[in-house]
Amino acid sequence: MKTFRPIALVAACLFSASVFAATNDMSPYGTAKTDMHTYKTINRVYDVNYSDVQNLNNLANFINNVNKVVPGKSVVVLHGPEIRVFAKENHEKYEGLVKKMADLAKDGVDFRMCNNAMHAAGFEAKDVVGFVTIIPAGFAEIIDLESKGYQPINPFVTAVKDSRYLDHPELKPAK
């Protein structure tokens, strides 16, 4: 019985080491390569139609991240329920969102709002903040910009921050 305990202990250690090695490697596919290349100038048009106006926060982050690495012009075409954020009457309610969009505009992002959507929502051009340009029709504007070489982006963006911890909450650093 005494010789069995050391053998069992060695076996347990070897098993634990192999489990640790397997979980430490986590995948039989190796490790990702890194290719931090540069991009050519690419103009882009963002097709924005959000029922949840809080998606504008993610949009702002998305545009900032793209603009850091891709030179070119950015146009945001607004033609959904998010247009209420840009109404002067809602400034106090959406002040933080409007400031983020205004900061993007100061950095050169061009905001355009669909006249049809604006009227359907009950607004007039005089009701909309000054960094937005009213255009005849949202989809027509997107088509026009695409014909001029702009690449369309339909940014249904979801924040990735902390998504690692959705599967492994035990890895999340304590605050």
Protein backbone atom coordinates (compact mmCIF):
# COMPACT_ATOMS: atom_id res chain seq x y z
CA MET A 1 0.00 0.00 0.00
CA LYS A 2 2.90 2.36 0.76
CA THR A 3 4.32 2.03 -2.79
CA PHE A 4 0.90 2.65 -4.27
CA ARG A 5 0.61 6.16 -2.77
CA PRO A 6 3.78 7.55 -4.43
CA ILE A 7 2.74 6.02 -7.77
CA ALA A 8 -0.73 7.52 -7.41
CA LEU A 9 0.81 10.88 -6.47
CA VAL A 10 3.13 10.82 -9.51
CA ALA A 11 0.23 9.83 -11.77
CA ALA A 12 -1.93 12.65 -10.38
CA CYS A 13 0.88 15.15 -10.93
CA LEU A 14 1.43 13.97 -14.51
CA PHE A 15 -2.31 14.13 -15.20
CA SER A 16 -2.51 17.62 -13.70
CA ALA A 17 0.47 18.76 -15.77
CA SER A 18 -1.10 17.44 -18.98
CA VAL A 19 -4.43 19.10 -18.16
CA PHE A 20 -2.61 22.38 -17.42
CA ALA A 21 -0.66 22.12 -20.68
CA ALA A 22 -3.83 21.37 -22.62
CA THR A 23 -5.74 24.28 -21.09
CA ASN A 24 -2.75 26.59 -21.40
CA ASP A 25 -2.44 25.85 -25.15
CA MET A 26 -6.26 25.93 -25.51
CA SER A 27 -6.24 25.07 -29.21
CA PRO A 28 -4.55 22.66 -31.60
CA TYR A 29 -4.35 25.44 -34.20
CA GLY A 30 -1.40 27.36 -32.82
CA THR A 31 -1.22 31.12 -32.31
CA ALA A 32 -2.50 33.90 -34.54
CA LYS A 33 -0.14 35.74 -36.86
CA THR A 34 0.09 39.53 -36.71
CA ASP A 35 -0.10 41.62 -39.89
CA MET A 36 -0.32 45.28 -38.94
CA HIS A 37 -0.33 46.61 -42.51
CA THR A 38 -1.48 50.00 -43.69
CA TYR A 39 -4.58 50.72 -45.76
CA LYS A 40 -4.96 52.80 -48.87
CA THR A 41 -7.31 55.77 -48.82
CA ILE A 42 -10.88 54.48 -48.76
CA ASN A 43 -13.89 56.78 -48.56
CA ARG A 44 -16.82 55.22 -46.71
CA VAL A 45 -20.50 55.83 -46.16
CA TYR A 46 -22.19 54.59 -42.99
CA ASP A 47 -25.82 53.54 -43.46
CA VAL A 48 -27.37 54.32 -40.05
CA ASN A 49 -30.90 53.29 -39.09
CA TYR A 50 -31.12 52.53 -35.35
CA SER A 51 -34.25 52.05 -33.28
CA ASP A 52 -32.08 52.05 -30.14
CA VAL A 53 -30.34 55.41 -30.10
CA GLN A 54 -27.70 54.08 -27.68
CA ASN A 55 -26.21 52.29 -30.70
CA LEU A 56 -24.83 55.71 -31.63
CA ASN A 57 -22.26 55.25 -28.83
CA ASN A 58 -20.96 52.11 -30.53
CA LEU A 59 -21.10 53.84 -33.90
CA ALA A 60 -18.91 56.67 -32.58
CA ASN A 61 -16.35 54.19 -31.28
CA PHE A 62 -16.48 52.23 -34.53
CA ILE A 63 -15.93 55.32 -36.69
CA ASN A 64 -13.07 56.52 -34.47
CA ASN A 65 -11.38 53.11 -34.69
CA VAL A 66 -11.75 52.92 -38.48
CA ASN A 67 -10.57 56.51 -38.94
CA LYS A 68 -7.39 55.76 -36.96
CA VAL A 69 -6.22 53.20 -39.51
CA VAL A 70 -8.04 53.95 -42.78
CA PRO A 71 -7.44 57.31 -44.44
CA GLY A 72 -10.36 58.79 -46.35
CA LYS A 73 -13.66 60.57 -45.92
CA SER A 74 -16.48 59.35 -43.68
CA VAL A 75 -20.13 60.17 -44.33
CA VAL A 76 -22.89 59.09 -41.95
CA VAL A 77 -26.35 58.89 -43.53
CA LEU A 78 -29.07 59.05 -40.88
CA HIS A 79 -32.50 57.77 -41.89
CA GLY A 80 -34.01 55.94 -38.94
CA PRO A 81 -35.44 56.60 -35.49
CA GLU A 82 -32.00 57.77 -34.30
CA ILE A 83 -32.66 61.09 -36.04
CA ARG A 84 -34.53 62.26 -32.92
CA VAL A 85 -31.15 62.51 -31.16
CA PHE A 86 -30.23 65.35 -33.54
CA ALA A 87 -33.40 67.36 -32.85
CA LYS A 88 -32.71 70.55 -30.92
CA GLU A 89 -35.73 69.89 -28.71
CA ASN A 90 -34.07 66.69 -27.45
CA HIS A 91 -30.66 68.21 -26.80
CA GLU A 92 -30.86 67.93 -23.02
CA LYS A 93 -32.03 64.30 -23.13
CA TYR A 94 -29.34 63.20 -25.61
CA GLU A 95 -26.62 65.72 -24.82
CA GLY A 96 -23.89 63.08 -24.40
CA LEU A 97 -24.71 61.38 -27.70
CA VAL A 98 -24.97 64.69 -29.55
CA LYS A 99 -21.59 65.75 -28.18
CA LYS A 100 -19.99 62.52 -29.43
CA MET A 101 -21.47 63.07 -32.88
CA ALA A 102 -20.46 66.75 -32.85
CA ASP A 103 -16.90 65.73 -31.95
CA LEU A 104 -16.88 63.36 -34.92
CA ALA A 105 -18.14 66.19 -37.13
CA LYS A 106 -15.31 68.44 -35.85
CA ASP A 107 -12.91 65.66 -36.87
CA GLY A 108 -14.30 65.72 -40.42
CA VAL A 109 -17.12 63.17 -40.35
CA ASP A 110 -19.96 64.43 -42.55
CA PHE A 111 -23.47 63.85 -41.09
CA ARG A 112 -26.37 63.80 -43.55
CA MET A 113 -30.03 63.28 -42.66
CA CYS A 114 -32.74 61.96 -44.96
CA ASN A 115 -35.36 64.63 -45.64
CA ASN A 116 -38.05 61.97 -46.03
CA ALA A 117 -37.27 60.39 -42.65
CA MET A 118 -37.00 63.80 -41.02
CA HIS A 119 -40.47 64.79 -42.23
CA ALA A 120 -41.95 61.39 -41.40
CA ALA A 121 -40.67 61.86 -37.83
CA GLY A 122 -42.34 65.27 -37.66
CA PHE A 123 -39.23 67.46 -37.88
CA GLU A 124 -38.18 70.31 -40.15
CA ALA A 125 -34.62 71.34 -41.01
CA LYS A 126 -34.85 74.21 -38.51
CA ASP A 127 -35.37 71.58 -35.76
CA VAL A 128 -32.04 69.81 -36.41
CA VAL A 129 -28.60 70.62 -34.96
CA GLY A 130 -26.24 72.62 -37.15
CA PHE A 131 -23.58 70.00 -37.96
CA VAL A 132 -26.12 67.87 -39.88
CA THR A 133 -26.91 68.43 -43.58
CA ILE A 134 -30.41 67.56 -44.79
CA ILE A 135 -30.34 65.60 -48.06
CA PRO A 136 -33.27 64.56 -50.31
CA ALA A 137 -33.32 60.82 -49.53
CA GLY A 138 -31.14 58.52 -47.42
CA PHE A 139 -30.95 55.50 -49.71
CA ALA A 140 -30.49 57.69 -52.78
CA GLU A 141 -27.59 59.44 -51.01
CA ILE A 142 -25.97 56.11 -50.23
CA ILE A 143 -26.35 54.98 -53.85
CA ASP A 144 -24.92 58.29 -55.09
CA LEU A 145 -21.91 58.05 -52.77
CA GLU A 146 -21.32 54.43 -53.79
CA SER A 147 -21.31 55.54 -57.44
CA LYS A 148 -18.52 57.96 -56.46
CA GLY A 149 -16.41 55.19 -54.98
CA TYR A 150 -17.49 55.31 -51.33
CA GLN A 151 -17.55 51.92 -49.68
CA PRO A 152 -20.83 51.19 -47.89
CA ILE A 153 -20.78 50.15 -44.25
CA ASN A 154 -23.94 49.01 -42.50
CA PRO A 155 -22.72 49.39 -38.94
CA PHE A 156 -24.81 47.16 -36.75
CA VAL A 157 -22.08 47.40 -34.21
CA THR A 158 -21.87 45.66 -30.88
CA ALA A 159 -19.24 46.56 -28.34
CA VAL A 160 -16.56 43.90 -27.93
CA LYS A 161 -15.18 45.30 -24.68
CA ASP A 162 -14.97 42.52 -22.08
CA SER A 163 -16.51 39.92 -24.45
CA ARG A 164 -13.71 37.54 -23.43
CA TYR A 165 -15.32 37.31 -20.02
CA LEU A 166 -18.69 36.17 -21.37
CA ASP A 167 -17.22 32.67 -21.67
CA HIS A 168 -14.70 32.99 -18.82
CA PRO A 169 -15.99 35.31 -16.09
CA GLU A 170 -13.35 33.93 -13.73
CA LEU A 171 -10.64 35.63 -15.86
CA LYS A 172 -12.09 39.11 -15.47
CA PRO A 173 -9.76 41.30 -13.39
CA ALA A 174 -11.19 42.52 -10.11
CA LYS A 175 -12.06 46.20 -10.02
